[in-house]
Amino acid sequence: MSANIATSGLSFYMVPNAPEPVATFSHAVEAGSFIHVTGQMPTYPGEPERPIPDDIEEQTHRVMANLHIVLTGLGLDWSSVVRAGAYLTNFEKDYARFNEIYSSYFPANRLPARTCIGVTALARSARVEVDLVAFRPLAR
């Protein structure tokens, strides 16, 4: 399970086995029923200096694997995701292939709302980053 720091109705999580932060952030923050998952890069957990893959296919699979680590570390899965934000540095070239791979991770007919935008640059010269919002019903 993840390290949890609760304060003022918010819970801040650092998930074991998830990639080490490259900046100052929590892997996820829970606010009520919603869990905001920090954008993940195509990095390797436990190997922060390992070069990231070059192609969009490998980068997308690596990003989705890192998101899965965070989700499962919080007792969630892809069906819990209600929103995603995707950021591509070469939108015209990478969008179609990214979209195919991204979509394959979600259950049929359970795609979350999503915004996908082109950006000029991402950390470590990555081509893709994805953040999520997941839903967990409040315990009654």
C-alpha atoms as a PDB file:
ATOM      1  CA  MET A   1       0.000   0.000   0.000  1.00  0.00           C
ATOM      2  CA  SER A   2       1.076   3.564  -0.407  1.00  0.00           C
ATOM      3  CA  ALA A   3       2.403   6.041   2.104  1.00  0.00           C
ATOM      4  CA  ASN A   4      -0.511   8.256   3.052  1.00  0.00           C
ATOM      5  CA  ILE A   5      -0.404  11.643   4.728  1.00  0.00           C
ATOM      6  CA  ALA A   6      -3.919  12.865   5.576  1.00  0.00           C
ATOM      7  CA  THR A   7      -4.574  16.514   6.253  1.00  0.00           C
ATOM      8  CA  SER A   8      -7.730  18.638   6.126  1.00  0.00           C
ATOM      9  CA  GLY A   9      -9.767  15.991   4.313  1.00  0.00           C
ATOM     10  CA  LEU A  10      -7.043  15.492   1.720  1.00  0.00           C
ATOM     11  CA  SER A  11      -4.760  12.478   1.464  1.00  0.00           C
ATOM     12  CA  PHE A  12      -1.364  12.705  -0.212  1.00  0.00           C
ATOM     13  CA  TYR A  13       0.151   9.461  -1.520  1.00  0.00           C
ATOM     14  CA  MET A  14       3.604   8.262  -2.458  1.00  0.00           C
ATOM     15  CA  VAL A  15       3.230   4.804  -3.979  1.00  0.00           C
ATOM     16  CA  PRO A  16       6.003   2.226  -3.481  1.00  0.00           C
ATOM     17  CA  ASN A  17       7.349   0.822  -6.750  1.00  0.00           C
ATOM     18  CA  ALA A  18       6.152   3.879  -8.697  1.00  0.00           C
ATOM     19  CA  PRO A  19       8.782   5.976 -10.464  1.00  0.00           C
ATOM     20  CA  GLU A  20      10.706   8.345  -8.254  1.00  0.00           C
ATOM     21  CA  PRO A  21       9.514  11.945  -8.592  1.00  0.00           C
ATOM     22  CA  VAL A  22      11.719  14.116 -10.788  1.00  0.00           C
ATOM     23  CA  ALA A  23      10.262  17.212  -9.125  1.00  0.00           C
ATOM     24  CA  THR A  24       8.360  18.028  -5.932  1.00  0.00           C
ATOM     25  CA  PHE A  25       4.993  16.255  -6.064  1.00  0.00           C
ATOM     26  CA  SER A  26       2.921  13.409  -4.642  1.00  0.00           C
ATOM     27  CA  HIS A  27       2.057  10.465  -6.867  1.00  0.00           C
ATOM     28  CA  ALA A  28      -1.606  11.125  -6.080  1.00  0.00           C
ATOM     29  CA  VAL A  29      -3.868  13.324  -3.974  1.00  0.00           C
ATOM     30  CA  GLU A  30      -7.280  12.146  -2.777  1.00  0.00           C
ATOM     31  CA  ALA A  31      -9.934  14.835  -2.340  1.00  0.00           C
ATOM     32  CA  GLY A  32     -13.306  13.378  -1.396  1.00  0.00           C
ATOM     33  CA  SER A  33     -14.142  10.650  -3.891  1.00  0.00           C
ATOM     34  CA  PHE A  34     -11.643  11.853  -6.482  1.00  0.00           C
ATOM     35  CA  ILE A  35      -8.014  10.818  -6.739  1.00  0.00           C
ATOM     36  CA  HIS A  36      -5.790  13.047  -8.851  1.00  0.00           C
ATOM     37  CA  VAL A  37      -2.831  11.113 -10.241  1.00  0.00           C
ATOM     38  CA  THR A  38       0.253  13.110 -11.182  1.00  0.00           C
ATOM     39  CA  GLY A  39       1.298  12.951 -14.814  1.00  0.00           C
ATOM     40  CA  GLN A  40       3.575  10.013 -15.479  1.00  0.00           C
ATOM     41  CA  MET A  41       6.545  10.008 -17.803  1.00  0.00           C
ATOM     42  CA  PRO A  42       8.052   7.060 -19.723  1.00  0.00           C
ATOM     43  CA  THR A  43      10.591   6.441 -16.961  1.00  0.00           C
ATOM     44  CA  TYR A  44      11.499   3.203 -15.217  1.00  0.00           C
ATOM     45  CA  PRO A  45      10.726   2.632 -11.524  1.00  0.00           C
ATOM     46  CA  GLY A  46      13.907   2.041  -9.566  1.00  0.00           C
ATOM     47  CA  GLU A  47      16.064   3.169 -12.504  1.00  0.00           C
ATOM     48  CA  PRO A  48      15.781   6.973 -12.581  1.00  0.00           C
ATOM     49  CA  GLU A  49      18.874   7.396 -14.782  1.00  0.00           C
ATOM     50  CA  ARG A  50      17.874   4.781 -17.368  1.00  0.00           C
ATOM     51  CA  PRO A  51      17.321   6.428 -20.764  1.00  0.00           C
ATOM     52  CA  ILE A  52      13.694   6.624 -21.809  1.00  0.00           C
ATOM     53  CA  PRO A  53      12.587   4.789 -24.967  1.00  0.00           C
ATOM     54  CA  ASP A  54      12.751   6.714 -28.244  1.00  0.00           C
ATOM     55  CA  ASP A  55       9.520   5.731 -29.988  1.00  0.00           C
ATOM     56  CA  ILE A  56       5.963   6.721 -29.128  1.00  0.00           C
ATOM     57  CA  GLU A  57       4.828   3.095 -28.785  1.00  0.00           C
ATOM     58  CA  GLU A  58       7.316   2.203 -26.062  1.00  0.00           C
ATOM     59  CA  GLN A  59       6.898   5.568 -24.358  1.00  0.00           C
ATOM     60  CA  THR A  60       3.110   5.215 -24.266  1.00  0.00           C
ATOM     61  CA  HIS A  61       3.257   1.676 -22.857  1.00  0.00           C
ATOM     62  CA  ARG A  62       5.791   2.819 -20.227  1.00  0.00           C
ATOM     63  CA  VAL A  63       3.596   5.783 -19.198  1.00  0.00           C
ATOM     64  CA  MET A  64       0.544   3.538 -18.918  1.00  0.00           C
ATOM     65  CA  ALA A  65       2.526   0.972 -16.901  1.00  0.00           C
ATOM     66  CA  ASN A  66       3.594   3.713 -14.478  1.00  0.00           C
ATOM     67  CA  LEU A  67       0.013   4.944 -14.133  1.00  0.00           C
ATOM     68  CA  HIS A  68      -1.090   1.357 -13.474  1.00  0.00           C
ATOM     69  CA  ILE A  69       1.449   1.079 -10.649  1.00  0.00           C
ATOM     70  CA  VAL A  70      -0.016   4.177  -9.000  1.00  0.00           C
ATOM     71  CA  LEU A  71      -3.632   3.083  -9.535  1.00  0.00           C
ATOM     72  CA  THR A  72      -3.130  -0.425  -8.164  1.00  0.00           C
ATOM     73  CA  GLY A  73      -1.057   0.947  -5.291  1.00  0.00           C
ATOM     74  CA  LEU A  74      -4.187   2.845  -4.280  1.00  0.00           C
ATOM     75  CA  GLY A  75      -6.516  -0.136  -4.757  1.00  0.00           C
ATOM     76  CA  LEU A  76      -7.874   1.150  -8.079  1.00  0.00           C
ATOM     77  CA  ASP A  77      -7.828   0.019 -11.699  1.00  0.00           C
ATOM     78  CA  TRP A  78      -8.482   1.422 -15.169  1.00  0.00           C
ATOM     79  CA  SER A  79     -12.261   1.208 -14.700  1.00  0.00           C
ATOM     80  CA  SER A  80     -11.942   3.774 -11.872  1.00  0.00           C
ATOM     81  CA  VAL A  81     -10.530   6.459 -14.181  1.00  0.00           C
ATOM     82  CA  VAL A  82     -12.984   9.253 -15.022  1.00  0.00           C
ATOM     83  CA  ARG A  83     -10.669  11.768 -16.701  1.00  0.00           C
ATOM     84  CA  ALA A  84      -7.278  11.835 -18.384  1.00  0.00           C
ATOM     85  CA  GLY A  85      -5.012  14.549 -19.678  1.00  0.00           C
ATOM     86  CA  ALA A  86      -2.502  13.609 -22.373  1.00  0.00           C
ATOM     87  CA  TYR A  87       0.378  15.753 -23.567  1.00  0.00           C
ATOM     88  CA  LEU A  88       2.249  15.035 -26.808  1.00  0.00           C
ATOM     89  CA  THR A  89       5.313  16.888 -28.079  1.00  0.00           C
ATOM     90  CA  ASN A  90       4.747  15.810 -31.688  1.00  0.00           C
ATOM     91  CA  PHE A  91       0.966  15.800 -31.886  1.00  0.00           C
ATOM     92  CA  GLU A  92       0.591  15.403 -35.656  1.00  0.00           C
ATOM     93  CA  LYS A  93       3.045  12.507 -35.866  1.00  0.00           C
ATOM     94  CA  ASP A  94       2.211  10.654 -32.637  1.00  0.00           C
ATOM     95  CA  TYR A  95      -1.508  11.165 -31.962  1.00  0.00           C
ATOM     96  CA  ALA A  96      -2.953   8.219 -33.915  1.00  0.00           C
ATOM     97  CA  ARG A  97      -0.543   5.616 -32.530  1.00  0.00           C
ATOM     98  CA  PHE A  98      -0.721   7.055 -29.003  1.00  0.00           C
ATOM     99  CA  ASN A  99      -4.521   6.924 -29.153  1.00  0.00           C
ATOM    100  CA  GLU A 100      -4.558   3.260 -30.230  1.00  0.00           C
ATOM    101  CA  ILE A 101      -2.270   2.187 -27.403  1.00  0.00           C
ATOM    102  CA  TYR A 102      -3.885   4.423 -24.758  1.00  0.00           C
ATOM    103  CA  SER A 103      -7.391   3.155 -25.592  1.00  0.00           C
ATOM    104  CA  SER A 104      -6.324  -0.488 -25.271  1.00  0.00           C
ATOM    105  CA  TYR A 105      -5.778  -0.093 -21.516  1.00  0.00           C
ATOM    106  CA  PHE A 106      -9.402   0.701 -20.679  1.00  0.00           C
ATOM    107  CA  PRO A 107     -12.362  -1.684 -20.461  1.00  0.00           C
ATOM    108  CA  ALA A 108     -14.708  -1.652 -23.449  1.00  0.00           C
ATOM    109  CA  ASN A 109     -17.211   1.206 -23.277  1.00  0.00           C
ATOM    110  CA  ARG A 110     -15.412   2.691 -20.217  1.00  0.00           C
ATOM    111  CA  LEU A 111     -13.163   5.324 -21.777  1.00  0.00           C
ATOM    112  CA  PRO A 112     -12.708   8.316 -19.460  1.00  0.00           C
ATOM    113  CA  ALA A 113     -13.247  11.917 -20.480  1.00  0.00           C
ATOM    114  CA  ARG A 114      -9.970  13.190 -21.934  1.00  0.00           C
ATOM    115  CA  THR A 115      -8.105  16.212 -23.156  1.00  0.00           C
ATOM    116  CA  CYS A 116      -5.126  15.612 -25.444  1.00  0.00           C
ATOM    117  CA  ILE A 117      -2.952  18.566 -26.361  1.00  0.00           C
ATOM    118  CA  GLY A 118       0.272  19.260 -28.181  1.00  0.00           C
ATOM    119  CA  VAL A 119       3.024  20.840 -26.105  1.00  0.00           C
ATOM    120  CA  THR A 120       6.443  22.216 -27.003  1.00  0.00           C
ATOM    121  CA  ALA A 121       8.450  20.125 -24.540  1.00  0.00           C
ATOM    122  CA  LEU A 122       8.259  17.649 -21.656  1.00  0.00           C
ATOM    123  CA  ALA A 123      10.811  16.741 -18.988  1.00  0.00           C
ATOM    124  CA  ARG A 124      13.633  14.419 -20.066  1.00  0.00           C
ATOM    125  CA  SER A 125      12.725  15.038 -23.716  1.00  0.00           C
ATOM    126  CA  ALA A 126       9.776  12.660 -23.413  1.00  0.00           C
ATOM    127  CA  ARG A 127       7.221  12.581 -26.216  1.00  0.00           C
ATOM    128  CA  VAL A 128       4.214  11.797 -23.992  1.00  0.00           C
ATOM    129  CA  GLU A 129       2.901  12.364 -20.476  1.00  0.00           C
ATOM    130  CA  VAL A 130      -0.507  11.375 -19.073  1.00  0.00           C
ATOM    131  CA  ASP A 131      -2.263  12.386 -15.848  1.00  0.00           C
ATOM    132  CA  LEU A 132      -5.500  10.940 -14.470  1.00  0.00           C
ATOM    133  CA  VAL A 133      -8.432  11.548 -12.178  1.00  0.00           C
ATOM    134  CA  ALA A 134      -9.975   8.416 -10.682  1.00  0.00           C
ATOM    135  CA  PHE A 135     -13.149   7.967  -8.661  1.00  0.00           C
ATOM    136  CA  ARG A 136     -13.521   5.994  -5.442  1.00  0.00           C
ATOM    137  CA  PRO A 137     -16.928   6.147  -3.703  1.00  0.00           C
ATOM    138  CA  LEU A 138     -16.747   7.462  -0.154  1.00  0.00           C
ATOM    139  CA  ALA A 139     -17.185   4.828   2.539  1.00  0.00           C
ATOM    140  CA  ARG A 140     -20.551   5.111   4.210  1.00  0.00           C
END
